[in-house]
Every structure is written in structure tokens, then in C-alpha cells.
PDB file of N, CA and C in Angstrom:
ATOM      1  N   MET A   1     168.164-129.251 360.358  1.00  0.00           N
ATOM      2  CA  MET A   1     167.783-129.765 361.655  1.00  0.00           C
ATOM      3  C   MET A   1     168.140-131.247 361.717  1.00  0.00           C
ATOM      4  N   GLN A   2     168.972-131.632 362.649  1.00  0.00           N
ATOM      5  CA  GLN A   2     169.399-133.009 362.794  1.00  0.00           C
ATOM      6  C   GLN A   2     168.877-133.562 364.100  1.00  0.00           C
ATOM      7  N   GLN A   3     168.368-134.778 364.026  1.00  0.00           N
ATOM      8  CA  GLN A   3     167.863-135.424 365.225  1.00  0.00           C
ATOM      9  C   GLN A   3     168.404-136.842 365.261  1.00  0.00           C
ATOM     10  N   ASN A   4     168.639-137.351 366.452  1.00  0.00           N
ATOM     11  CA  ASN A   4     168.967-138.765 366.596  1.00  0.00           C
ATOM     12  C   ASN A   4     167.689-139.502 366.908  1.00  0.00           C
ATOM     13  N   VAL A   5     167.448-140.564 366.186  1.00  0.00           N
ATOM     14  CA  VAL A   5     166.241-141.349 366.350  1.00  0.00           C
ATOM     15  C   VAL A   5     166.656-142.753 366.773  1.00  0.00           C
ATOM     16  N   LYS A   6     166.034-143.285 367.807  1.00  0.00           N
ATOM     17  CA  LYS A   6     166.333-144.647 368.255  1.00  0.00           C
ATOM     18  C   LYS A   6     165.413-145.615 367.520  1.00  0.00           C
ATOM     19  N   ARG A   7     166.015-146.669 366.990  1.00  0.00           N
ATOM     20  CA  ARG A   7     165.225-147.707 366.336  1.00  0.00           C
ATOM     21  C   ARG A   7     165.967-149.018 366.512  1.00  0.00           C
ATOM     22  N   ALA A   8     165.292-150.016 366.992  1.00  0.00           N
ATOM     23  CA  ALA A   8     165.840-151.357 367.175  1.00  0.00           C
ATOM     24  C   ALA A   8     167.170-151.339 367.909  1.00  0.00           C
ATOM     25  N   GLY A   9     167.275-150.488 368.913  1.00  0.00           N
ATOM     26  CA  GLY A   9     168.456-150.477 369.742  1.00  0.00           C
ATOM     27  C   GLY A   9     169.653-149.735 369.184  1.00  0.00           C
ATOM     28  N   SER A  10     169.541-149.114 368.017  1.00  0.00           N
ATOM     29  CA  SER A  10     170.687-148.373 367.480  1.00  0.00           C
ATOM     30  C   SER A  10     170.244-146.971 367.088  1.00  0.00           C
ATOM     31  N   ALA A  11     171.161-146.033 367.191  1.00  0.00           N
ATOM     32  CA  ALA A  11     170.853-144.653 366.827  1.00  0.00           C
ATOM     33  C   ALA A  11     170.999-144.480 365.328  1.00  0.00           C
ATOM     34  N   LEU A  12     169.986-143.927 364.697  1.00  0.00           N
ATOM     35  CA  LEU A  12     170.033-143.622 363.274  1.00  0.00           C
ATOM     36  C   LEU A  12     170.208-142.121 363.114  1.00  0.00           C
ATOM     37  N   ASP A  13     171.032-141.735 362.175  1.00  0.00           N
ATOM     38  CA  ASP A  13     171.232-140.322 361.898  1.00  0.00           C
ATOM     39  C   ASP A  13     170.076-139.868 361.012  1.00  0.00           C
ATOM     40  N   ARG A  14     169.375-138.837 361.401  1.00  0.00           N
ATOM     41  CA  ARG A  14     168.192-138.369 360.679  1.00  0.00           C
ATOM     42  C   ARG A  14     168.343-136.900 360.352  1.00  0.00           C
ATOM     43  N   LYS A  15     167.932-136.506 359.165  1.00  0.00           N
ATOM     44  CA  LYS A  15     167.975-135.108 358.767  1.00  0.00           C
ATOM     45  C   LYS A  15     166.771-134.825 357.880  1.00  0.00           C
ATOM     46  N   ILE A  16     166.097-133.729 358.142  1.00  0.00           N
ATOM     47  CA  ILE A  16     164.985-133.280 357.304  1.00  0.00           C
ATOM     48  C   ILE A  16     165.583-132.489 356.148  1.00  0.00           C
ATOM     49  N   ILE A  17     165.197-132.835 354.916  1.00  0.00           N
ATOM     50  CA  ILE A  17     165.693-132.120 353.739  1.00  0.00           C
ATOM     51  C   ILE A  17     164.506-131.600 352.939  1.00  0.00           C
ATOM     52  N   SER A  18     164.732-130.577 352.156  1.00  0.00           N
ATOM     53  CA  SER A  18     163.637-130.002 351.373  1.00  0.00           C
ATOM     54  C   SER A  18     163.620-130.613 349.972  1.00  0.00           C
ATOM     55  N   ILE A  19     162.462-130.505 349.349  1.00  0.00           N
ATOM     56  CA  ILE A  19     162.264-130.996 347.980  1.00  0.00           C
ATOM     57  C   ILE A  19     161.965-129.785 347.118  1.00  0.00           C
ATOM     58  N   SER A  20     162.678-129.657 345.981  1.00  0.00           N
ATOM     59  CA  SER A  20     162.501-128.501 345.111  1.00  0.00           C
ATOM     60  C   SER A  20     161.171-128.571 344.363  1.00  0.00           C
ATOM     61  N   MET A  21     160.829-127.489 343.678  1.00  0.00           N
ATOM     62  CA  MET A  21     159.593-127.451 342.882  1.00  0.00           C
ATOM     63  C   MET A  21     159.647-128.467 341.740  1.00  0.00           C
ATOM     64  N   LYS A  22     160.863-128.875 341.347  1.00  0.00           N
ATOM     65  CA  LYS A  22     161.027-129.891 340.292  1.00  0.00           C
ATOM     66  C   LYS A  22     161.079-131.301 340.882  1.00  0.00           C
ATOM     67  N   HIS A  23     160.717-131.434 342.153  1.00  0.00           N
ATOM     68  CA  HIS A  23     160.698-132.711 342.872  1.00  0.00           C
ATOM     69  C   HIS A  23     162.094-133.280 343.084  1.00  0.00           C
ATOM     70  N   GLN A  24     163.094-132.443 343.138  1.00  0.00           N
ATOM     71  CA  GLN A  24     164.466-132.879 343.363  1.00  0.00           C
ATOM     72  C   GLN A  24     164.829-132.699 344.824  1.00  0.00           C
ATOM     73  N   LEU A  25     165.732-133.545 345.291  1.00  0.00           N
ATOM     74  CA  LEU A  25     166.244-133.392 346.635  1.00  0.00           C
ATOM     75  C   LEU A  25     167.750-133.535 346.617  1.00  0.00           C
ATOM     76  N   THR A  26     168.387-133.015 347.638  1.00  0.00           N
ATOM     77  CA  THR A  26     169.837-133.069 347.749  1.00  0.00           C
ATOM     78  C   THR A  26     170.213-133.993 348.894  1.00  0.00           C
ATOM     79  N   ILE A  27     171.113-134.919 348.612  1.00  0.00           N
ATOM     80  CA  ILE A  27     171.600-135.828 349.643  1.00  0.00           C
ATOM     81  C   ILE A  27     172.629-135.066 350.475  1.00  0.00           C
ATOM     82  N   PRO A  28     172.444-135.009 351.782  1.00  0.00           N
ATOM     83  CA  PRO A  28     173.425-134.309 352.617  1.00  0.00           C
ATOM     84  C   PRO A  28     174.843-134.857 352.389  1.00  0.00           C
ATOM     85  N   GLN A  29     175.806-133.955 352.381  1.00  0.00           N
ATOM     86  CA  GLN A  29     177.191-134.291 352.044  1.00  0.00           C
ATOM     87  C   GLN A  29     177.734-135.462 352.859  1.00  0.00           C
ATOM     88  N   ARG A  30     177.517-135.469 354.159  1.00  0.00           N
ATOM     89  CA  ARG A  30     178.102-136.549 354.967  1.00  0.00           C
ATOM     90  C   ARG A  30     177.474-137.898 354.638  1.00  0.00           C
ATOM     91  N   TYR A  31     176.180-137.923 354.271  1.00  0.00           N
ATOM     92  CA  TYR A  31     175.542-139.177 353.860  1.00  0.00           C
ATOM     93  C   TYR A  31     176.124-139.621 352.518  1.00  0.00           C
ATOM     94  N   TYR A  32     176.269-138.655 351.622  1.00  0.00           N
ATOM     95  CA  TYR A  32     176.814-138.918 350.288  1.00  0.00           C
ATOM     96  C   TYR A  32     178.190-139.573 350.402  1.00  0.00           C
ATOM     97  N   GLU A  33     179.044-139.000 351.237  1.00  0.00           N
ATOM     98  CA  GLU A  33     180.407-139.515 351.394  1.00  0.00           C
ATOM     99  C   GLU A  33     180.435-140.832 352.160  1.00  0.00           C
ATOM    100  N   THR A  34     179.678-140.911 353.238  1.00  0.00           N
ATOM    101  CA  THR A  34     179.672-142.119 354.062  1.00  0.00           C
ATOM    102  C   THR A  34     179.193-143.338 353.288  1.00  0.00           C
ATOM    103  N   LEU A  35     178.172-143.149 352.459  1.00  0.00           N
ATOM    104  CA  LEU A  35     177.591-144.272 351.725  1.00  0.00           C
ATOM    105  C   LEU A  35     178.267-144.534 350.386  1.00  0.00           C
ATOM    106  N   GLY A  36     179.138-143.626 349.950  1.00  0.00           N
ATOM    107  CA  GLY A  36     179.876-143.855 348.705  1.00  0.00           C
ATOM    108  C   GLY A  36     179.060-143.617 347.447  1.00  0.00           C
ATOM    109  N   PHE A  37     178.197-142.607 347.457  1.00  0.00           N
ATOM    110  CA  PHE A  37     177.441-142.269 346.247  1.00  0.00           C
ATOM    111  C   PHE A  37     178.397-141.793 345.161  1.00  0.00           C
ATOM    112  N   ASP A  38     178.013-142.010 343.919  1.00  0.00           N
ATOM    113  CA  ASP A  38     178.774-141.493 342.785  1.00  0.00           C
ATOM    114  C   ASP A  38     177.801-140.633 341.990  1.00  0.00           C
ATOM    115  N   ASN A  39     177.573-140.946 340.728  1.00  0.00           N
ATOM    116  CA  ASN A  39     176.690-140.109 339.915  1.00  0.00           C
ATOM    117  C   ASN A  39     175.293-140.690 339.732  1.00  0.00           C
ATOM    118  N   GLU A  40     174.987-141.822 340.370  1.00  0.00           N
ATOM    119  CA  GLU A  40     173.658-142.411 340.278  1.00  0.00           C
ATOM    120  C   GLU A  40     173.202-142.898 341.644  1.00  0.00           C
ATOM    121  N   ALA A  41     171.893-142.841 341.846  1.00  0.00           N
ATOM    122  CA  ALA A  41     171.288-143.374 343.062  1.00  0.00           C
ATOM    123  C   ALA A  41     170.134-144.280 342.655  1.00  0.00           C
ATOM    124  N   GLU A  42     169.915-145.297 343.431  1.00  0.00           N
ATOM    125  CA  GLU A  42     168.803-146.213 343.221  1.00  0.00           C
ATOM    126  C   GLU A  42     167.688-145.792 344.164  1.00  0.00           C
ATOM    127  N   CYS A  43     166.490-145.630 343.645  1.00  0.00           N
ATOM    128  CA  CYS A  43     165.339-145.206 344.431  1.00  0.00           C
ATOM    129  C   CYS A  43     164.319-146.347 344.425  1.00  0.00           C
ATOM    130  N   ILE A  44     163.993-146.853 345.609  1.00  0.00           N
ATOM    131  CA  ILE A  44     163.118-148.015 345.728  1.00  0.00           C
ATOM    132  C   ILE A  44     161.888-147.634 346.545  1.00  0.00           C
ATOM    133  N   LEU A  45     160.715-147.833 345.972  1.00  0.00           N
ATOM    134  CA  LEU A  45     159.462-147.575 346.676  1.00  0.00           C
ATOM    135  C   LEU A  45     159.209-148.718 347.648  1.00  0.00           C
ATOM    136  N   GLN A  46     159.087-148.366 348.921  1.00  0.00           N
ATOM    137  CA  GLN A  46     158.808-149.348 349.958  1.00  0.00           C
ATOM    138  C   GLN A  46     157.556-148.917 350.694  1.00  0.00           C
ATOM    139  N   GLU A  47     156.981-149.842 351.421  1.00  0.00           N
ATOM    140  CA  GLU A  47     155.786-149.512 352.186  1.00  0.00           C
ATOM    141  C   GLU A  47     156.081-148.340 353.114  1.00  0.00           C
ATOM    142  N   GLY A  48     155.403-147.239 352.896  1.00  0.00           N
ATOM    143  CA  GLY A  48     155.544-146.088 353.756  1.00  0.00           C
ATOM    144  C   GLY A  48     156.698-145.163 353.441  1.00  0.00           C
ATOM    145  N   GLY A  49     157.459-145.398 352.379  1.00  0.00           N
ATOM    146  CA  GLY A  49     158.568-144.501 352.094  1.00  0.00           C
ATOM    147  C   GLY A  49     159.417-144.913 350.913  1.00  0.00           C
ATOM    148  N   LEU A  50     160.526-144.210 350.779  1.00  0.00           N
ATOM    149  CA  LEU A  50     161.482-144.469 349.711  1.00  0.00           C
ATOM    150  C   LEU A  50     162.818-144.868 350.322  1.00  0.00           C
ATOM    151  N   LEU A  51     163.507-145.766 349.670  1.00  0.00           N
ATOM    152  CA  LEU A  51     164.877-146.104 350.027  1.00  0.00           C
ATOM    153  C   LEU A  51     165.747-145.562 348.907  1.00  0.00           C
ATOM    154  N   ILE A  52     166.688-144.706 349.253  1.00  0.00           N
ATOM    155  CA  ILE A  52     167.611-144.140 348.271  1.00  0.00           C
ATOM    156  C   ILE A  52     168.998-144.612 348.660  1.00  0.00           C
ATOM    157  N   ARG A  53     169.666-145.299 347.734  1.00  0.00           N
ATOM    158  CA  ARG A  53     170.995-145.819 348.037  1.00  0.00           C
ATOM    159  C   ARG A  53     171.888-145.732 346.813  1.00  0.00           C
ATOM    160  N   PRO A  54     173.201-145.799 347.024  1.00  0.00           N
ATOM    161  CA  PRO A  54     174.118-145.721 345.881  1.00  0.00           C
ATOM    162  C   PRO A  54     173.914-146.910 344.948  1.00  0.00           C
ATOM    163  N   VAL A  55     174.092-146.679 343.670  1.00  0.00           N
ATOM    164  CA  VAL A  55     174.027-147.760 342.698  1.00  0.00           C
ATOM    165  C   VAL A  55     175.334-148.527 342.786  1.00  0.00           C
ATOM    166  N   ARG A  56     175.227-149.798 342.965  1.00  0.00           N
ATOM    167  CA  ARG A  56     176.398-150.666 342.988  1.00  0.00           C
ATOM    168  C   ARG A  56     176.528-151.297 341.619  1.00  0.00           C
ATOM    169  N   SER A  57     177.706-151.305 341.105  1.00  0.00           N
ATOM    170  CA  SER A  57     177.955-151.842 339.768  1.00  0.00           C
ATOM    171  C   SER A  57     177.568-153.312 339.714  1.00  0.00           C
ATOM    172  N   ALA A  58     176.802-153.654 338.706  1.00  0.00           N
ATOM    173  CA  ALA A  58     176.439-155.050 338.470  1.00  0.00           C
ATOM    174  C   ALA A  58     177.246-155.550 337.289  1.00  0.00           C
ATOM    175  N   ASP A  59     178.563-155.372 337.388  1.00  0.00           N
ATOM    176  CA  ASP A  59     179.434-155.721 336.270  1.00  0.00           C
ATOM    177  C   ASP A  59     179.863-157.175 336.275  1.00  0.00           C
ATOM    178  N   GLY A  60     179.337-157.942 337.203  1.00  0.00           N
ATOM    179  CA  GLY A  60     179.707-159.348 337.263  1.00  0.00           C
ATOM    180  C   GLY A  60     180.908-159.608 338.134  1.00  0.00           C
ATOM    181  N   GLY A  61     181.502-158.556 338.714  1.00  0.00           N
ATOM    182  CA  GLY A  61     182.679-158.735 339.539  1.00  0.00           C
ATOM    183  C   GLY A  61     182.464-159.698 340.691  1.00  0.00           C
ATOM    184  N   GLU A  62     181.238-159.711 341.223  1.00  0.00           N
ATOM    185  CA  GLU A  62     180.945-160.604 342.328  1.00  0.00           C
ATOM    186  C   GLU A  62     180.937-162.067 341.908  1.00  0.00           C
ATOM    187  N   PHE A  63     180.946-162.329 340.610  1.00  0.00           N
ATOM    188  CA  PHE A  63     180.939-163.704 340.108  1.00  0.00           C
ATOM    189  C   PHE A  63     182.305-164.129 339.568  1.00  0.00           C
ATOM    190  N   SER A  64     183.289-163.245 339.654  1.00  0.00           N
ATOM    191  CA  SER A  64     184.593-163.505 339.045  1.00  0.00           C
ATOM    192  C   SER A  64     185.224-164.803 339.520  1.00  0.00           C
ATOM    193  N   ALA A  65     185.223-165.031 340.826  1.00  0.00           N
ATOM    194  CA  ALA A  65     185.857-166.238 341.356  1.00  0.00           C
ATOM    195  C   ALA A  65     185.159-167.495 340.852  1.00  0.00           C
ATOM    196  N   GLN A  66     183.824-167.457 340.787  1.00  0.00           N
ATOM    197  CA  GLN A  66     183.085-168.624 340.311  1.00  0.00           C
ATOM    198  C   GLN A  66     183.343-168.875 338.823  1.00  0.00           C
ATOM    199  N   ILE A  67     183.361-167.808 338.045  1.00  0.00           N
ATOM    200  CA  ILE A  67     183.624-167.945 336.607  1.00  0.00           C
ATOM    201  C   ILE A  67     185.012-168.526 336.393  1.00  0.00           C
ATOM    202  N   LEU A  68     185.995-167.969 337.079  1.00  0.00           N
ATOM    203  CA  LEU A  68     187.369-168.428 336.920  1.00  0.00           C
ATOM    204  C   LEU A  68     187.521-169.886 337.338  1.00  0.00           C
ATOM    205  N   ALA A  69     186.945-170.262 338.465  1.00  0.00           N
ATOM    206  CA  ALA A  69     187.027-171.654 338.928  1.00  0.00           C
ATOM    207  C   ALA A  69     186.399-172.601 337.913  1.00  0.00           C
ATOM    208  N   ASP A  70     185.263-172.210 337.359  1.00  0.00           N
ATOM    209  CA  ASP A  70     184.587-173.051 336.366  1.00  0.00           C
ATOM    210  C   ASP A  70     185.438-173.217 335.112  1.00  0.00           C
ATOM    211  N   LEU A  71     186.018-172.108 334.632  1.00  0.00           N
ATOM    212  CA  LEU A  71     186.840-172.183 333.425  1.00  0.00           C
ATOM    213  C   LEU A  71     188.105-173.015 333.653  1.00  0.00           C
ATOM    214  N   LEU A  72     188.700-172.876 334.827  1.00  0.00           N
ATOM    215  CA  LEU A  72     189.879-173.690 335.150  1.00  0.00           C
ATOM    216  C   LEU A  72     189.522-175.169 335.194  1.00  0.00           C
ATOM    217  N   SER A  73     188.345-175.476 335.766  1.00  0.00           N
ATOM    218  CA  SER A  73     187.926-176.883 335.843  1.00  0.00           C
ATOM    219  C   SER A  73     187.644-177.464 334.460  1.00  0.00           C
ATOM    220  N   GLN A  74     187.366-176.577 333.496  1.00  0.00           N
ATOM    221  CA  GLN A  74     187.140-177.024 332.118  1.00  0.00           C
ATOM    222  C   GLN A  74     188.452-177.159 331.343  1.00  0.00           C
ATOM    223  N   GLY A  75     189.556-176.811 331.996  1.00  0.00           N
ATOM    224  CA  GLY A  75     190.859-176.995 331.374  1.00  0.00           C
ATOM    225  C   GLY A  75     191.401-175.794 330.615  1.00  0.00           C
ATOM    226  N   TYR A  76     190.750-174.643 330.702  1.00  0.00           N
ATOM    227  CA  TYR A  76     191.253-173.462 330.008  1.00  0.00           C
ATOM    228  C   TYR A  76     192.497-172.944 330.716  1.00  0.00           C
ATOM    229  N   GLU A  77     193.417-172.390 329.936  1.00  0.00           N
ATOM    230  CA  GLU A  77     194.614-171.783 330.499  1.00  0.00           C
ATOM    231  C   GLU A  77     195.151-170.736 329.529  1.00  0.00           C
ATOM    232  N   GLY A  78     196.062-169.930 330.019  1.00  0.00           N
ATOM    233  CA  GLY A  78     196.721-168.926 329.185  1.00  0.00           C
ATOM    234  C   GLY A  78     195.753-167.940 328.549  1.00  0.00           C
ATOM    235  N   GLN A  79     196.053-167.572 327.308  1.00  0.00           N
ATOM    236  CA  GLN A  79     195.255-166.586 326.582  1.00  0.00           C
ATOM    237  C   GLN A  79     193.819-167.061 326.376  1.00  0.00           C
ATOM    238  N   GLU A  80     193.652-168.345 326.162  1.00  0.00           N
ATOM    239  CA  GLU A  80     192.303-168.898 325.981  1.00  0.00           C
ATOM    240  C   GLU A  80     191.474-168.707 327.254  1.00  0.00           C
ATOM    241  N   LEU A  81     192.093-168.895 328.414  1.00  0.00           N
ATOM    242  CA  LEU A  81     191.418-168.670 329.697  1.00  0.00           C
ATOM    243  C   LEU A  81     191.002-167.209 329.822  1.00  0.00           C
ATOM    244  N   LEU A  82     191.919-166.304 329.502  1.00  0.00           N
ATOM    245  CA  LEU A  82     191.624-164.875 329.580  1.00  0.00           C
ATOM    246  C   LEU A  82     190.482-164.488 328.649  1.00  0.00           C
ATOM    247  N   ASP A  83     190.520-164.984 327.417  1.00  0.00           N
ATOM    248  CA  ASP A  83     189.462-164.669 326.452  1.00  0.00           C
ATOM    249  C   ASP A  83     188.097-165.175 326.917  1.00  0.00           C
ATOM    250  N   LYS A  84     188.053-166.417 327.402  1.00  0.00           N
ATOM    251  CA  LYS A  84     186.785-166.984 327.882  1.00  0.00           C
ATOM    252  C   LYS A  84     186.280-166.235 329.114  1.00  0.00           C
ATOM    253  N   PHE A  85     187.207-165.861 330.014  1.00  0.00           N
ATOM    254  CA  PHE A  85     186.825-165.121 331.215  1.00  0.00           C
ATOM    255  C   PHE A  85     186.179-163.799 330.832  1.00  0.00           C
ATOM    256  N   LYS A  86     186.775-163.073 329.901  1.00  0.00           N
ATOM    257  CA  LYS A  86     186.193-161.803 329.445  1.00  0.00           C
ATOM    258  C   LYS A  86     184.812-162.029 328.841  1.00  0.00           C
ATOM    259  N   GLN A  87     184.683-163.054 328.020  1.00  0.00           N
ATOM    260  CA  GLN A  87     183.401-163.358 327.366  1.00  0.00           C
ATOM    261  C   GLN A  87     182.320-163.651 328.408  1.00  0.00           C
ATOM    262  N   TYR A  88     182.602-164.489 329.380  1.00  0.00           N
ATOM    263  CA  TYR A  88     181.629-164.836 330.413  1.00  0.00           C
ATOM    264  C   TYR A  88     181.301-163.625 331.288  1.00  0.00           C
ATOM    265  N   SER A  89     182.327-162.857 331.655  1.00  0.00           N
ATOM    266  CA  SER A  89     182.121-161.694 332.517  1.00  0.00           C
ATOM    267  C   SER A  89     181.227-160.653 331.850  1.00  0.00           C
ATOM    268  N   GLU A  90     181.420-160.428 330.554  1.00  0.00           N
ATOM    269  CA  GLU A  90     180.611-159.447 329.828  1.00  0.00           C
ATOM    270  C   GLU A  90     179.166-159.892 329.697  1.00  0.00           C
ATOM    271  N   ALA A  91     178.912-161.189 329.758  1.00  0.00           N
ATOM    272  CA  ALA A  91     177.547-161.704 329.615  1.00  0.00           C
ATOM    273  C   ALA A  91     176.748-161.615 330.920  1.00  0.00           C
ATOM    274  N   ILE A  92     177.423-161.431 332.046  1.00  0.00           N
ATOM    275  CA  ILE A  92     176.735-161.420 333.339  1.00  0.00           C
ATOM    276  C   ILE A  92     175.759-160.257 333.472  1.00  0.00           C
ATOM    277  N   GLN A  93     176.215-159.025 333.222  1.00  0.00           N
ATOM    278  CA  GLN A  93     175.349-157.854 333.445  1.00  0.00           C
ATOM    279  C   GLN A  93     174.069-157.909 332.612  1.00  0.00           C
ATOM    280  N   PRO A  94     174.127-158.186 331.299  1.00  0.00           N
ATOM    281  CA  PRO A  94     172.869-158.269 330.551  1.00  0.00           C
ATOM    282  C   PRO A  94     171.940-159.365 331.087  1.00  0.00           C
ATOM    283  N   ALA A  95     172.510-160.472 331.541  1.00  0.00           N
ATOM    284  CA  ALA A  95     171.683-161.552 332.084  1.00  0.00           C
ATOM    285  C   ALA A  95     171.002-161.120 333.376  1.00  0.00           C
ATOM    286  N   VAL A  96     171.732-160.431 334.243  1.00  0.00           N
ATOM    287  CA  VAL A  96     171.155-159.948 335.502  1.00  0.00           C
ATOM    288  C   VAL A  96     170.075-158.906 335.210  1.00  0.00           C
ATOM    289  N   GLN A  97     170.336-157.987 334.279  1.00  0.00           N
ATOM    290  CA  GLN A  97     169.349-156.961 333.931  1.00  0.00           C
ATOM    291  C   GLN A  97     168.073-157.601 333.373  1.00  0.00           C
ATOM    292  N   LYS A  98     168.223-158.617 332.530  1.00  0.00           N
ATOM    293  CA  LYS A  98     167.058-159.315 331.982  1.00  0.00           C
ATOM    294  C   LYS A  98     166.262-159.979 333.108  1.00  0.00           C
ATOM    295  N   MET A  99     166.968-160.618 334.037  1.00  0.00           N
ATOM    296  CA  MET A  99     166.298-161.274 335.149  1.00  0.00           C
ATOM    297  C   MET A  99     165.545-160.252 336.007  1.00  0.00           C
ATOM    298  N   LEU A 100     166.130-159.080 336.230  1.00  0.00           N
ATOM    299  CA  LEU A 100     165.451-158.040 337.005  1.00  0.00           C
ATOM    300  C   LEU A 100     164.202-157.533 336.288  1.00  0.00           C
ATOM    301  N   ARG A 101     164.311-157.298 334.972  1.00  0.00           N
ATOM    302  CA  ARG A 101     163.128-156.858 334.211  1.00  0.00           C
ATOM    303  C   ARG A 101     162.009-157.893 334.291  1.00  0.00           C
ATOM    304  N   GLU A 102     162.365-159.165 334.152  1.00  0.00           N
ATOM    305  CA  GLU A 102     161.360-160.217 334.209  1.00  0.00           C
ATOM    306  C   GLU A 102     160.744-160.327 335.603  1.00  0.00           C
ATOM    307  N   SER A 103     161.545-160.115 336.636  1.00  0.00           N
ATOM    308  CA  SER A 103     161.000-160.189 337.997  1.00  0.00           C
ATOM    309  C   SER A 103     160.005-159.068 338.239  1.00  0.00           C
ATOM    310  N   VAL A 104     160.276-157.880 337.708  1.00  0.00           N
ATOM    311  CA  VAL A 104     159.337-156.755 337.832  1.00  0.00           C
ATOM    312  C   VAL A 104     158.048-157.089 337.091  1.00  0.00           C
ATOM    313  N   LYS A 105     158.177-157.675 335.909  1.00  0.00           N
ATOM    314  CA  LYS A 105     156.992-158.062 335.128  1.00  0.00           C
ATOM    315  C   LYS A 105     156.132-159.053 335.914  1.00  0.00           C
ATOM    316  N   TYR A 106     156.754-160.060 336.498  1.00  0.00           N
ATOM    317  CA  TYR A 106     156.003-161.030 337.283  1.00  0.00           C
ATOM    318  C   TYR A 106     155.412-160.400 338.539  1.00  0.00           C
ATOM    319  N   ALA A 107     156.159-159.506 339.177  1.00  0.00           N
ATOM    320  CA  ALA A 107     155.660-158.851 340.391  1.00  0.00           C
ATOM    321  C   ALA A 107     154.441-157.994 340.087  1.00  0.00           C
ATOM    322  N   ARG A 108     154.403-157.397 338.917  1.00  0.00           N
ATOM    323  CA  ARG A 108     153.265-156.548 338.537  1.00  0.00           C
ATOM    324  C   ARG A 108     152.067-157.366 338.072  1.00  0.00           C
ATOM    325  N   ASN A 109     152.246-158.656 337.944  1.00  0.00           N
ATOM    326  CA  ASN A 109     151.183-159.556 337.518  1.00  0.00           C
ATOM    327  C   ASN A 109     149.988-159.456 338.445  1.00  0.00           C
ATOM    328  N   GLY A 110     150.227-159.181 339.718  1.00  0.00           N
ATOM    329  CA  GLY A 110     149.133-158.930 340.647  1.00  0.00           C
ATOM    330  C   GLY A 110     148.633-160.117 341.425  1.00  0.00           C
ATOM    331  N   ASN A 111     148.945-161.323 341.012  1.00  0.00           N
ATOM    332  CA  ASN A 111     148.407-162.460 341.748  1.00  0.00           C
ATOM    333  C   ASN A 111     149.318-162.917 342.876  1.00  0.00           C
ATOM    334  N   GLY A 112     150.472-162.287 342.996  1.00  0.00           N
ATOM    335  CA  GLY A 112     151.372-162.614 344.092  1.00  0.00           C
ATOM    336  C   GLY A 112     152.157-163.894 343.904  1.00  0.00           C
ATOM    337  N   ARG A 113     151.950-164.576 342.802  1.00  0.00           N
ATOM    338  CA  ARG A 113     152.657-165.829 342.546  1.00  0.00           C
ATOM    339  C   ARG A 113     153.632-165.643 341.404  1.00  0.00           C
ATOM    340  N   ILE A 114     154.829-166.076 341.635  1.00  0.00           N
ATOM    341  CA  ILE A 114     155.860-165.999 340.606  1.00  0.00           C
ATOM    342  C   ILE A 114     156.372-167.415 340.375  1.00  0.00           C
ATOM    343  N   PRO A 115     156.107-167.991 339.196  1.00  0.00           N
ATOM    344  CA  PRO A 115     156.642-169.326 338.935  1.00  0.00           C
ATOM    345  C   PRO A 115     158.163-169.251 338.813  1.00  0.00           C
ATOM    346  N   ILE A 116     158.867-169.979 339.647  1.00  0.00           N
ATOM    347  CA  ILE A 116     160.319-169.910 339.703  1.00  0.00           C
ATOM    348  C   ILE A 116     160.934-170.269 338.351  1.00  0.00           C
ATOM    349  N   ASP A 117     160.413-171.282 337.675  1.00  0.00           N
ATOM    350  CA  ASP A 117     160.986-171.636 336.380  1.00  0.00           C
ATOM    351  C   ASP A 117     160.729-170.549 335.345  1.00  0.00           C
ATOM    352  N   GLY A 118     159.651-169.795 335.494  1.00  0.00           N
ATOM    353  CA  GLY A 118     159.388-168.677 334.597  1.00  0.00           C
ATOM    354  C   GLY A 118     160.303-167.498 334.852  1.00  0.00           C
ATOM    355  N   LEU A 119     160.709-167.334 336.092  1.00  0.00           N
ATOM    356  CA  LEU A 119     161.575-166.225 336.458  1.00  0.00           C
ATOM    357  C   LEU A 119     163.033-166.526 336.157  1.00  0.00           C
ATOM    358  N   PHE A 120     163.507-167.699 336.547  1.00  0.00           N
ATOM    359  CA  PHE A 120     164.914-168.021 336.408  1.00  0.00           C
ATOM    360  C   PHE A 120     165.208-168.961 335.245  1.00  0.00           C
ATOM    361  N   GLY A 121     164.179-169.524 334.646  1.00  0.00           N
ATOM    362  CA  GLY A 121     164.409-170.479 333.575  1.00  0.00           C
ATOM    363  C   GLY A 121     164.741-171.840 334.172  1.00  0.00           C
ATOM    364  N   THR A 122     164.889-172.795 333.316  1.00  0.00           N
ATOM    365  CA  THR A 122     165.239-174.129 333.786  1.00  0.00           C
ATOM    366  C   THR A 122     166.569-174.516 333.175  1.00  0.00           C
ATOM    367  N   GLU A 123     167.346-175.240 333.933  1.00  0.00           N
ATOM    368  CA  GLU A 123     168.616-175.724 333.423  1.00  0.00           C
ATOM    369  C   GLU A 123     168.411-177.026 332.705  1.00  0.00           C
ATOM    370  N   ALA A 124     169.112-177.166 331.598  1.00  0.00           N
ATOM    371  CA  ALA A 124     168.997-178.409 330.819  1.00  0.00           C
ATOM    372  C   ALA A 124     169.981-179.427 331.312  1.00  0.00           C
TER     373      ALA A 124
END
């Protein structure tokens, strides 16, 4: 059963789906293709519901230009530039994952306050 639902001036595509006895659900094919799902989905508990979206790679690709510009400004070139770029790029994902784990820990603290220096650290 498909219904169009109006929200904030735009039509949202809505579909009722069933949940199996094992608490599994199937993403409708057109949603799967339109949103670019692969083999993983991110499930986020929000007030009043769940947000299910494709997992986007946190491989550091979004930081490539900044890493490269920084290394060039430091005078790296040739093979040394390539080696340093690989080293920095590989360090991004573990750093982001650590920051996410720490943010969850602070969020579960319960007092609603997250000290920024405790979450992101301080630069020397």
C-alpha cells in the first residue's frame, strides 16, 4: 500500500512494510536503489521513530583535498608525498570512529553537557 504524504510543502513517498518474527524488515526495491544502499544500513533512534539510511564510507575521502594541501604546504613531493598521503588517509577513519564512540559515551552521561575539549581534545 503506497500513499503520498504531504509534509513541509513537499510530497514524501510512503510505504507500509511488514516486520518479520525475527524483527527484520525489507527495504522496498525502489528506495534501496534510489538511496544507493549496499550491504549495510545505519539505523538511528530518533524521537518517535527510526531513521534508516545507507552507510556512507568514512574512509577519509572527504578530507583528501585538505590532507593533500597540507602535505604540499609542508614541501612533500613525489613518492614521499604519496607515502605521507596514504599514511594520513589511513589514520582518518580510526580517528573518526574514536570520536564517535566518545561522543556516544558523553551523550549517555545524562547531564546533557558535553565538554568540547573532552570530546575533541585540545590542540597543542
